Amino acid sequence: MAITSSAKRAIRTSARKRVFNVRRLDTMRESIKDVKKLVVAKNFTEAEQSLATVYKAIDKAAKRGVIKKNTAARKKSRVVALLRKTQAKVK
């Protein structure tokens, strides 16, 4: 348990920041899941449209330091690769 007043303040601050970080991470994960569901359902036009939402969520998470830059790049790349690969199989 924190003893000094500055340590107590740091705990409060980190708890507040954690709420925002968890929310940002959940938003990112949900948007990725939504695109994957659309791809599995072979609804490619809606998947393409919601790709912008995924990019936005991933970029915001990376910008805020919730995930690292290379992790963001990898996630974006894998989502698009899944979409393109599934589209190619259907055609």
N, C-alpha and C. Protein backbone atom coordinates (compact mmCIF):
# COMPACT_ATOMS: atom_id res chain seq x y z
N MET A 1 0.85 -1.19 0.00
CA MET A 1 0.00 0.00 0.00
C MET A 1 0.88 1.24 0.00
N ALA A 2 0.43 2.26 -0.68
CA ALA A 2 1.19 3.51 -0.77
C ALA A 2 1.21 4.23 0.57
N ILE A 3 2.36 4.80 0.89
CA ILE A 3 2.49 5.50 2.17
C ILE A 3 2.51 7.01 1.94
N THR A 4 3.38 7.46 1.02
CA THR A 4 3.50 8.89 0.80
C THR A 4 2.31 9.43 0.02
N SER A 5 2.09 10.73 0.18
CA SER A 5 0.95 11.35 -0.51
C SER A 5 1.13 11.33 -2.02
N SER A 6 2.37 11.46 -2.49
CA SER A 6 2.62 11.44 -3.93
C SER A 6 2.36 10.04 -4.51
N ALA A 7 2.66 9.02 -3.75
CA ALA A 7 2.40 7.65 -4.21
C ALA A 7 0.89 7.40 -4.27
N LYS A 8 0.16 7.92 -3.31
CA LYS A 8 -1.30 7.78 -3.31
C LYS A 8 -1.90 8.50 -4.51
N ARG A 9 -1.36 9.66 -4.81
CA ARG A 9 -1.81 10.44 -5.95
C ARG A 9 -1.51 9.69 -7.25
N ALA A 10 -0.34 9.07 -7.32
CA ALA A 10 0.05 8.31 -8.52
C ALA A 10 -0.89 7.12 -8.74
N ILE A 11 -1.31 6.50 -7.65
CA ILE A 11 -2.24 5.37 -7.76
C ILE A 11 -3.58 5.85 -8.32
N ARG A 12 -4.06 6.98 -7.82
CA ARG A 12 -5.33 7.53 -8.31
C ARG A 12 -5.22 7.89 -9.79
N THR A 13 -4.11 8.50 -10.16
CA THR A 13 -3.91 8.90 -11.55
C THR A 13 -3.85 7.70 -12.47
N SER A 14 -3.10 6.69 -12.07
CA SER A 14 -2.97 5.50 -12.93
C SER A 14 -4.29 4.75 -13.04
N ALA A 15 -5.10 4.77 -11.98
CA ALA A 15 -6.41 4.13 -12.04
C ALA A 15 -7.32 4.86 -13.03
N ARG A 16 -7.22 6.19 -13.04
CA ARG A 16 -8.02 7.00 -13.97
C ARG A 16 -7.58 6.73 -15.41
N LYS A 17 -6.27 6.69 -15.63
CA LYS A 17 -5.75 6.46 -16.97
C LYS A 17 -6.08 5.05 -17.46
N ARG A 18 -6.09 4.11 -16.53
CA ARG A 18 -6.38 2.72 -16.88
C ARG A 18 -7.78 2.60 -17.48
N VAL A 19 -8.72 3.34 -16.95
CA VAL A 19 -10.09 3.31 -17.47
C VAL A 19 -10.11 3.71 -18.94
N PHE A 20 -9.40 4.78 -19.27
CA PHE A 20 -9.36 5.25 -20.65
C PHE A 20 -8.64 4.24 -21.55
N ASN A 21 -7.53 3.69 -21.04
CA ASN A 21 -6.76 2.75 -21.83
C ASN A 21 -7.54 1.47 -22.11
N VAL A 22 -8.24 0.98 -21.11
CA VAL A 22 -9.03 -0.24 -21.29
C VAL A 22 -10.16 0.01 -22.28
N ARG A 23 -10.78 1.18 -22.18
CA ARG A 23 -11.85 1.53 -23.11
C ARG A 23 -11.32 1.60 -24.54
N ARG A 24 -10.16 2.20 -24.72
CA ARG A 24 -9.55 2.33 -26.04
C ARG A 24 -9.21 0.94 -26.60
N LEU A 25 -8.69 0.07 -25.76
CA LEU A 25 -8.33 -1.28 -26.18
C LEU A 25 -9.57 -2.10 -26.55
N ASP A 26 -10.63 -1.97 -25.75
CA ASP A 26 -11.87 -2.68 -26.04
C ASP A 26 -12.49 -2.22 -27.36
N THR A 27 -12.46 -0.92 -27.60
CA THR A 27 -12.98 -0.38 -28.85
C THR A 27 -12.23 -0.95 -30.04
N MET A 28 -10.92 -1.00 -29.91
CA MET A 28 -10.09 -1.53 -30.98
C MET A 28 -10.42 -3.00 -31.23
N ARG A 29 -10.48 -3.78 -30.18
CA ARG A 29 -10.75 -5.21 -30.32
C ARG A 29 -12.13 -5.47 -30.91
N GLU A 30 -13.11 -4.71 -30.46
CA GLU A 30 -14.48 -4.88 -30.96
C GLU A 30 -14.57 -4.55 -32.45
N SER A 31 -13.88 -3.50 -32.87
CA SER A 31 -13.94 -3.13 -34.28
C SER A 31 -13.27 -4.19 -35.15
N ILE A 32 -12.19 -4.78 -34.65
CA ILE A 32 -11.52 -5.85 -35.40
C ILE A 32 -12.44 -7.07 -35.49
N LYS A 33 -13.10 -7.39 -34.38
CA LYS A 33 -14.03 -8.53 -34.37
C LYS A 33 -15.18 -8.31 -35.34
N ASP A 34 -15.68 -7.08 -35.40
CA ASP A 34 -16.78 -6.78 -36.31
C ASP A 34 -16.39 -7.02 -37.77
N VAL A 35 -15.19 -6.59 -38.14
CA VAL A 35 -14.73 -6.79 -39.51
C VAL A 35 -14.56 -8.27 -39.79
N LYS A 36 -14.00 -9.01 -38.83
CA LYS A 36 -13.81 -10.44 -39.02
C LYS A 36 -15.14 -11.16 -39.20
N LYS A 37 -16.15 -10.73 -38.45
CA LYS A 37 -17.48 -11.34 -38.59
C LYS A 37 -18.05 -11.07 -39.97
N LEU A 38 -17.85 -9.85 -40.46
CA LEU A 38 -18.34 -9.50 -41.80
C LEU A 38 -17.62 -10.30 -42.88
N VAL A 39 -16.33 -10.52 -42.69
CA VAL A 39 -15.55 -11.29 -43.67
C VAL A 39 -16.01 -12.74 -43.68
N VAL A 40 -16.23 -13.30 -42.50
CA VAL A 40 -16.70 -14.69 -42.41
C VAL A 40 -18.07 -14.83 -43.06
N ALA A 41 -18.91 -13.81 -42.90
CA ALA A 41 -20.24 -13.82 -43.51
C ALA A 41 -20.19 -13.47 -45.00
N LYS A 42 -18.98 -13.24 -45.52
CA LYS A 42 -18.76 -12.90 -46.92
C LYS A 42 -19.48 -11.62 -47.33
N ASN A 43 -19.55 -10.70 -46.40
CA ASN A 43 -20.16 -9.39 -46.66
C ASN A 43 -19.01 -8.39 -46.85
N PHE A 44 -18.39 -8.45 -48.02
CA PHE A 44 -17.13 -7.73 -48.25
C PHE A 44 -17.31 -6.22 -48.38
N THR A 45 -18.43 -5.77 -48.92
CA THR A 45 -18.61 -4.33 -49.08
C THR A 45 -18.70 -3.64 -47.72
N GLU A 46 -19.45 -4.23 -46.80
CA GLU A 46 -19.54 -3.64 -45.46
C GLU A 46 -18.21 -3.77 -44.72
N ALA A 47 -17.50 -4.86 -44.96
CA ALA A 47 -16.18 -5.05 -44.32
C ALA A 47 -15.22 -3.97 -44.79
N GLU A 48 -15.26 -3.67 -46.09
CA GLU A 48 -14.38 -2.61 -46.63
C GLU A 48 -14.72 -1.26 -46.01
N GLN A 49 -16.01 -1.00 -45.82
CA GLN A 49 -16.42 0.28 -45.25
C GLN A 49 -16.02 0.39 -43.78
N SER A 50 -16.11 -0.70 -43.05
CA SER A 50 -15.78 -0.64 -41.63
C SER A 50 -14.27 -0.75 -41.38
N LEU A 51 -13.51 -0.94 -42.45
CA LEU A 51 -12.05 -0.97 -42.33
C LEU A 51 -11.51 0.37 -41.84
N ALA A 52 -12.15 1.45 -42.25
CA ALA A 52 -11.72 2.79 -41.80
C ALA A 52 -11.89 2.93 -40.29
N THR A 53 -12.95 2.36 -39.76
CA THR A 53 -13.19 2.40 -38.31
C THR A 53 -12.11 1.62 -37.57
N VAL A 54 -11.73 0.48 -38.14
CA VAL A 54 -10.68 -0.34 -37.53
C VAL A 54 -9.36 0.42 -37.52
N TYR A 55 -9.03 1.02 -38.65
CA TYR A 55 -7.79 1.78 -38.74
C TYR A 55 -7.76 2.91 -37.72
N LYS A 56 -8.89 3.59 -37.59
CA LYS A 56 -8.97 4.71 -36.66
C LYS A 56 -8.77 4.23 -35.22
N ALA A 57 -9.42 3.13 -34.86
CA ALA A 57 -9.31 2.61 -33.50
C ALA A 57 -7.89 2.13 -33.20
N ILE A 58 -7.28 1.46 -34.16
CA ILE A 58 -5.92 0.96 -33.97
C ILE A 58 -4.93 2.12 -33.87
N ASP A 59 -5.09 3.11 -34.75
CA ASP A 59 -4.18 4.26 -34.73
C ASP A 59 -4.30 5.06 -33.44
N LYS A 60 -5.51 5.21 -32.93
CA LYS A 60 -5.70 5.93 -31.67
C LYS A 60 -5.06 5.18 -30.51
N ALA A 61 -5.19 3.85 -30.52
CA ALA A 61 -4.59 3.05 -29.45
C ALA A 61 -3.07 3.17 -29.51
N ALA A 62 -2.52 3.19 -30.70
CA ALA A 62 -1.07 3.33 -30.84
C ALA A 62 -0.61 4.73 -30.44
N LYS A 63 -1.38 5.72 -30.82
CA LYS A 63 -1.03 7.10 -30.52
C LYS A 63 -1.00 7.35 -29.01
N ARG A 64 -1.94 6.75 -28.30
CA ARG A 64 -2.04 6.94 -26.86
C ARG A 64 -1.11 6.03 -26.08
N GLY A 65 -0.43 5.12 -26.76
CA GLY A 65 0.53 4.25 -26.08
C GLY A 65 -0.10 3.00 -25.49
N VAL A 66 -1.34 2.70 -25.88
CA VAL A 66 -1.99 1.49 -25.38
C VAL A 66 -1.35 0.27 -26.04
N ILE A 67 -1.05 0.39 -27.33
CA ILE A 67 -0.28 -0.64 -28.04
C ILE A 67 0.89 0.05 -28.72
N LYS A 68 1.88 -0.74 -29.09
CA LYS A 68 3.05 -0.15 -29.73
C LYS A 68 2.81 0.05 -31.22
N LYS A 69 3.69 0.84 -31.84
CA LYS A 69 3.53 1.21 -33.24
C LYS A 69 3.56 0.00 -34.16
N ASN A 70 4.52 -0.90 -33.92
CA ASN A 70 4.63 -2.08 -34.78
C ASN A 70 3.46 -3.04 -34.57
N THR A 71 2.93 -3.09 -33.35
CA THR A 71 1.76 -3.92 -33.08
C THR A 71 0.57 -3.39 -33.87
N ALA A 72 0.44 -2.08 -33.91
CA ALA A 72 -0.64 -1.45 -34.67
C ALA A 72 -0.50 -1.79 -36.16
N ALA A 73 0.70 -1.69 -36.67
CA ALA A 73 0.94 -1.99 -38.08
C ALA A 73 0.61 -3.45 -38.38
N ARG A 74 1.00 -4.34 -37.48
CA ARG A 74 0.74 -5.76 -37.67
C ARG A 74 -0.76 -6.06 -37.66
N LYS A 75 -1.48 -5.45 -36.74
CA LYS A 75 -2.92 -5.67 -36.65
C LYS A 75 -3.63 -5.19 -37.91
N LYS A 76 -3.27 -4.00 -38.39
CA LYS A 76 -3.87 -3.47 -39.61
C LYS A 76 -3.57 -4.37 -40.80
N SER A 77 -2.33 -4.81 -40.88
CA SER A 77 -1.91 -5.66 -41.99
C SER A 77 -2.67 -6.97 -41.99
N ARG A 78 -2.85 -7.57 -40.83
CA ARG A 78 -3.52 -8.87 -40.75
C ARG A 78 -5.01 -8.77 -41.07
N VAL A 79 -5.62 -7.67 -40.66
CA VAL A 79 -7.05 -7.49 -40.97
C VAL A 79 -7.25 -7.37 -42.47
N VAL A 80 -6.42 -6.57 -43.12
CA VAL A 80 -6.54 -6.38 -44.57
C VAL A 80 -6.18 -7.67 -45.30
N ALA A 81 -5.16 -8.38 -44.82
CA ALA A 81 -4.76 -9.64 -45.46
C ALA A 81 -5.89 -10.66 -45.39
N LEU A 82 -6.57 -10.72 -44.25
CA LEU A 82 -7.70 -11.63 -44.11
C LEU A 82 -8.80 -11.29 -45.10
N LEU A 83 -9.08 -10.01 -45.21
CA LEU A 83 -10.12 -9.55 -46.13
C LEU A 83 -9.76 -9.89 -47.58
N ARG A 84 -8.55 -9.58 -47.98
CA ARG A 84 -8.12 -9.82 -49.37
C ARG A 84 -8.07 -11.33 -49.69
N LYS A 85 -7.56 -12.10 -48.74
CA LYS A 85 -7.43 -13.55 -48.94
C LYS A 85 -8.81 -14.19 -49.11
N THR A 86 -9.75 -13.79 -48.27
CA THR A 86 -11.10 -14.36 -48.34
C THR A 86 -11.80 -13.91 -49.63
N GLN A 87 -11.58 -12.66 -50.03
CA GLN A 87 -12.17 -12.18 -51.27
C GLN A 87 -11.63 -12.97 -52.46
N ALA A 88 -10.35 -13.26 -52.45
CA ALA A 88 -9.73 -14.00 -53.56
C ALA A 88 -10.27 -15.41 -53.64
N LYS A 89 -10.54 -16.03 -52.49
CA LYS A 89 -11.08 -17.40 -52.49
C LYS A 89 -12.49 -17.45 -53.06
N VAL A 90 -13.27 -16.40 -52.78
CA VAL A 90 -14.66 -16.38 -53.23
C VAL A 90 -14.75 -16.18 -54.74
N LYS A 91 -13.85 -15.38 -55.29
CA LYS A 91 -13.90 -15.08 -56.73
C LYS A 91 -13.50 -16.23 -57.58
